[in-house]
Protein backbone atom coordinates (compact mmCIF):
# COMPACT_ATOMS: atom_id res chain seq x y z
CA MET A 1 0.00 0.00 0.00
CA LYS A 2 1.31 3.42 -1.00
CA LYS A 3 2.15 5.73 1.96
CA ILE A 4 0.84 9.28 1.51
CA PRO A 5 2.52 12.02 3.56
CA VAL A 6 0.14 14.45 5.26
CA TYR A 7 1.19 18.02 6.06
CA LEU A 8 -1.01 19.43 8.78
CA PHE A 9 -1.34 23.22 9.21
CA LEU A 10 -2.90 24.17 12.54
CA GLY A 11 -4.03 27.48 14.00
CA PHE A 12 -7.00 29.69 14.53
CA LEU A 13 -8.88 31.98 12.18
CA GLU A 14 -6.66 34.70 10.66
CA SER A 15 -3.45 33.14 11.99
CA GLY A 16 -1.82 33.04 8.56
CA LYS A 17 -2.38 29.37 7.68
CA THR A 18 -3.65 30.02 4.14
CA THR A 19 -0.78 32.36 3.28
CA LEU A 20 1.74 29.90 4.70
CA ILE A 21 0.21 27.03 2.71
CA GLN A 22 0.19 29.09 -0.49
CA LYS A 23 3.89 29.89 -0.05
CA THR A 24 4.64 26.24 0.68
CA LEU A 25 2.74 25.04 -2.39
CA ALA A 26 4.41 27.69 -4.58
CA ASN A 27 7.86 26.46 -3.57
CA GLU A 28 9.21 24.33 -6.43
CA LEU A 29 10.88 22.00 -3.93
CA PHE A 30 7.51 21.01 -2.45
CA GLY A 31 5.52 18.54 -4.48
CA ASN A 32 7.70 18.78 -7.58
CA GLY A 33 4.86 17.94 -9.99
CA GLU A 34 3.14 15.44 -7.71
CA ASN A 35 -0.64 15.37 -7.26
CA ILE A 36 -1.55 17.19 -4.07
CA LEU A 37 -4.89 17.08 -2.28
CA LEU A 38 -5.54 20.31 -0.35
CA LEU A 39 -8.21 19.91 2.32
CA VAL A 40 -9.50 23.22 3.65
CA CYS A 41 -11.43 22.90 6.91
CA GLU A 42 -12.01 26.62 7.48
CA GLU A 43 -12.12 29.59 5.17
CA GLY A 44 -10.77 32.94 6.33
CA LEU A 45 -10.29 36.22 4.51
CA GLU A 46 -7.39 34.95 2.39
CA GLU A 47 -8.49 32.82 -0.57
CA TYR A 48 -6.70 30.31 -2.78
CA ASP A 49 -6.06 31.11 -6.44
CA LEU A 50 -7.87 28.20 -8.10
CA SER A 51 -6.14 28.69 -11.46
CA LYS A 52 -2.68 28.38 -9.84
CA LEU A 53 -3.78 25.29 -7.94
CA LYS A 54 -4.96 23.54 -11.13
CA GLN A 55 -1.72 24.44 -12.96
CA ASN A 56 0.26 22.75 -10.19
CA ASN A 57 -1.75 19.48 -9.93
CA ILE A 58 -3.43 20.59 -6.69
CA THR A 59 -7.01 19.53 -5.99
CA LEU A 60 -8.85 21.70 -3.46
CA HIS A 61 -11.67 20.28 -1.35
CA VAL A 62 -13.51 22.31 1.29
CA MET A 63 -14.67 20.37 4.35
CA GLU A 64 -17.57 21.94 6.23
CA GLU A 65 -17.92 19.45 9.09
CA SER A 66 -15.42 17.42 11.11
CA THR A 67 -17.46 14.32 10.27
CA GLU A 68 -16.09 14.58 6.71
CA LEU A 69 -12.72 13.49 8.12
CA GLU A 70 -13.86 9.88 8.32
CA GLU A 71 -11.42 7.37 6.86
CA SER A 72 -13.65 6.34 3.95
CA SER A 73 -14.21 9.96 2.86
CA LEU A 74 -10.51 10.81 3.00
CA LEU A 75 -9.51 7.65 1.10
CA LYS A 76 -12.12 8.37 -1.59
CA LEU A 77 -10.87 11.96 -2.03
CA SER A 78 -7.24 10.82 -2.18
CA ASP A 79 -8.05 8.14 -4.74
CA GLU A 80 -10.15 10.46 -6.93
CA CYS A 81 -7.27 12.88 -7.49
CA GLY A 82 -4.46 10.31 -7.28
CA ALA A 83 -2.91 12.20 -4.37
CA ASP A 84 0.79 11.76 -3.72
CA ARG A 85 0.61 14.24 -0.81
CA VAL A 86 -2.14 15.70 1.34
CA VAL A 87 -2.09 19.19 2.83
CA ILE A 88 -4.70 19.96 5.48
CA GLU A 89 -5.63 23.45 6.61
CA TYR A 90 -7.29 22.40 9.85
CA ASN A 91 -10.10 24.26 11.60
CA GLY A 92 -8.74 25.70 14.84
CA MET A 93 -12.05 25.14 16.63
CA TRP A 94 -12.05 21.39 15.93
CA HIS A 95 -10.25 19.02 18.29
CA LEU A 96 -7.52 17.00 16.60
CA ASN A 97 -9.07 13.72 17.72
CA ASP A 98 -11.56 14.10 14.84
CA LEU A 99 -8.64 13.73 12.46
CA LEU A 100 -6.20 11.57 14.40
CA MET A 101 -8.76 8.90 15.22
CA ASN A 102 -9.30 8.40 11.48
CA LYS A 103 -5.72 8.07 10.31
CA THR A 104 -4.87 5.00 8.30
CA GLU A 105 -1.68 3.12 7.57
CA SER A 106 -1.64 4.71 4.11
CA ARG A 107 -1.64 8.28 5.48
CA LEU A 108 1.34 9.32 7.55
CA ILE A 109 1.33 12.69 9.31
CA PHE A 110 4.70 13.89 8.09
CA GLN A 111 4.82 17.40 9.52
CA THR A 112 2.65 19.66 11.67
CA VAL A 113 2.91 23.44 11.69
CA PHE A 114 1.10 25.67 14.18
CA ALA A 115 0.53 29.24 13.01
CA ALA A 116 -0.57 31.94 15.44
CA ASP A 117 -1.26 35.64 15.46
CA ALA A 118 0.81 36.63 18.51
CA SER A 119 -1.48 39.57 19.19
CA THR A 120 -4.52 37.27 19.71
CA ILE A 121 -3.11 33.93 20.92
CA ALA A 122 -3.26 34.97 24.59
CA MET A 123 -7.02 35.47 24.16
CA TYR A 124 -7.35 31.94 22.74
CA LEU A 125 -5.26 30.56 25.59
CA GLN A 126 -7.60 32.24 28.06
CA SER A 127 -10.93 31.36 26.45
CA CYS A 128 -10.28 27.94 24.86
CA ARG A 129 -7.01 26.67 26.30
CA SER A 130 -7.73 23.00 25.52
CA LEU A 131 -8.00 23.78 21.80
CA VAL A 132 -4.63 25.59 21.83
CA VAL A 133 -2.90 22.86 23.83
CA ASP A 134 -4.45 20.26 21.51
CA LYS A 135 -2.57 21.78 18.56
CA VAL A 136 0.64 22.88 20.27
CA ASN A 137 1.19 19.39 21.72
CA ILE A 138 1.80 17.85 18.31
CA CYS A 139 3.40 20.70 16.34
CA ASP A 140 6.88 20.39 14.84
CA LEU A 141 7.04 24.12 14.13
CA ALA A 142 5.25 27.05 15.76
CA ILE A 143 5.17 30.32 13.82
CA PHE A 144 4.05 33.55 15.47
CA ASP A 145 2.99 36.33 13.11
CA ARG A 146 2.54 40.00 14.10
CA CYS A 147 4.77 39.45 17.10
CA HIS A 148 6.21 41.95 19.51
CA ARG A 149 8.69 40.84 22.15
CA GLN A 150 6.24 41.55 24.96
CA ASP A 151 3.38 39.42 23.55
CA LYS A 152 2.32 37.16 26.40
CA GLY A 153 0.72 34.47 24.22
CA ALA A 154 3.96 33.66 22.39
CA VAL A 155 5.85 33.52 25.68
CA LEU A 156 3.26 31.14 27.19
CA ILE A 157 3.40 28.77 24.21
CA ASN A 158 7.20 28.88 24.32
CA LYS A 159 6.98 27.72 27.95
CA MET A 160 4.47 25.01 27.01
CA LEU A 161 6.79 23.65 24.34
CA CYS A 162 9.79 23.77 26.67
CA GLY A 163 7.83 21.80 29.28
CA HIS A 164 7.50 18.72 27.07
CA GLN A 165 10.03 15.92 27.34
CA CYS A 166 11.54 13.99 24.42
CA ARG A 167 10.47 16.28 21.60
CA THR A 168 11.94 18.84 19.29
CA ALA A 169 10.02 21.99 18.47
CA PHE A 170 11.17 25.12 16.73
CA LEU A 171 9.63 28.53 17.20
CA CYS A 172 9.70 31.30 14.62
CA TYR A 173 8.69 34.82 15.47
CA TYR A 174 7.80 37.36 12.82
CA LEU A 175 8.76 40.59 14.48
CA PHE A 176 6.34 43.18 13.16
CA PHE A 177 8.52 46.18 13.88
CA ARG A 178 11.67 44.67 12.30
CA ARG A 179 9.97 43.00 9.32
CA HIS A 180 12.09 39.86 9.34
CA ILE A 181 11.96 36.32 10.58
CA GLU A 182 13.80 35.46 13.76
CA CYS A 183 13.98 31.74 14.50
CA THR A 184 14.93 30.49 17.89
CA ALA A 185 15.92 27.03 19.01
CA SER A 186 15.24 27.92 22.64
CA ALA A 187 12.45 25.35 22.65
CA GLU A 188 14.58 22.67 21.07
CA LEU A 189 14.70 19.77 23.47
CA LEU A 190 16.59 16.60 22.79
CA CYS A 191 16.46 13.51 24.98
């Protein structure tokens, strides 16, 4: 059975997931002509350019309900487009169990990226902490957009990542006032 890598993009509404996915898909090193199934579980202000997706062998499917993540539905969608890779823009208000409980041997979660707007993540931590922790617990990379050094949400997630044993996580901060990416390995933990 063919193994299909799944790239999971996590975060809340307006966290920059769509922009990040578009930049990833536009990178010639990603996919390299393969058929890609793009599952969009929430639609924000940013929209995908459908003509660019079709030119690059990318099939877009919008999922309205978490029940659409059932194994049979995902296998059917993958088979219909002959997917070599799957990219999922996951709804931040859905618990990951809806997806993880339906994974199959043919789909391997290859990488998880958590995107956050640093100016609003503290609010999410306060009002729906379990949903934030749900995503942060499995991320390989956490990216904070619109970040200022004093943003409490980014600091709290940094502490959460540092508190886990036997995992590696990288944090990237987009510093709004400097307009560049600053990556830190301060949360990199090796056993």
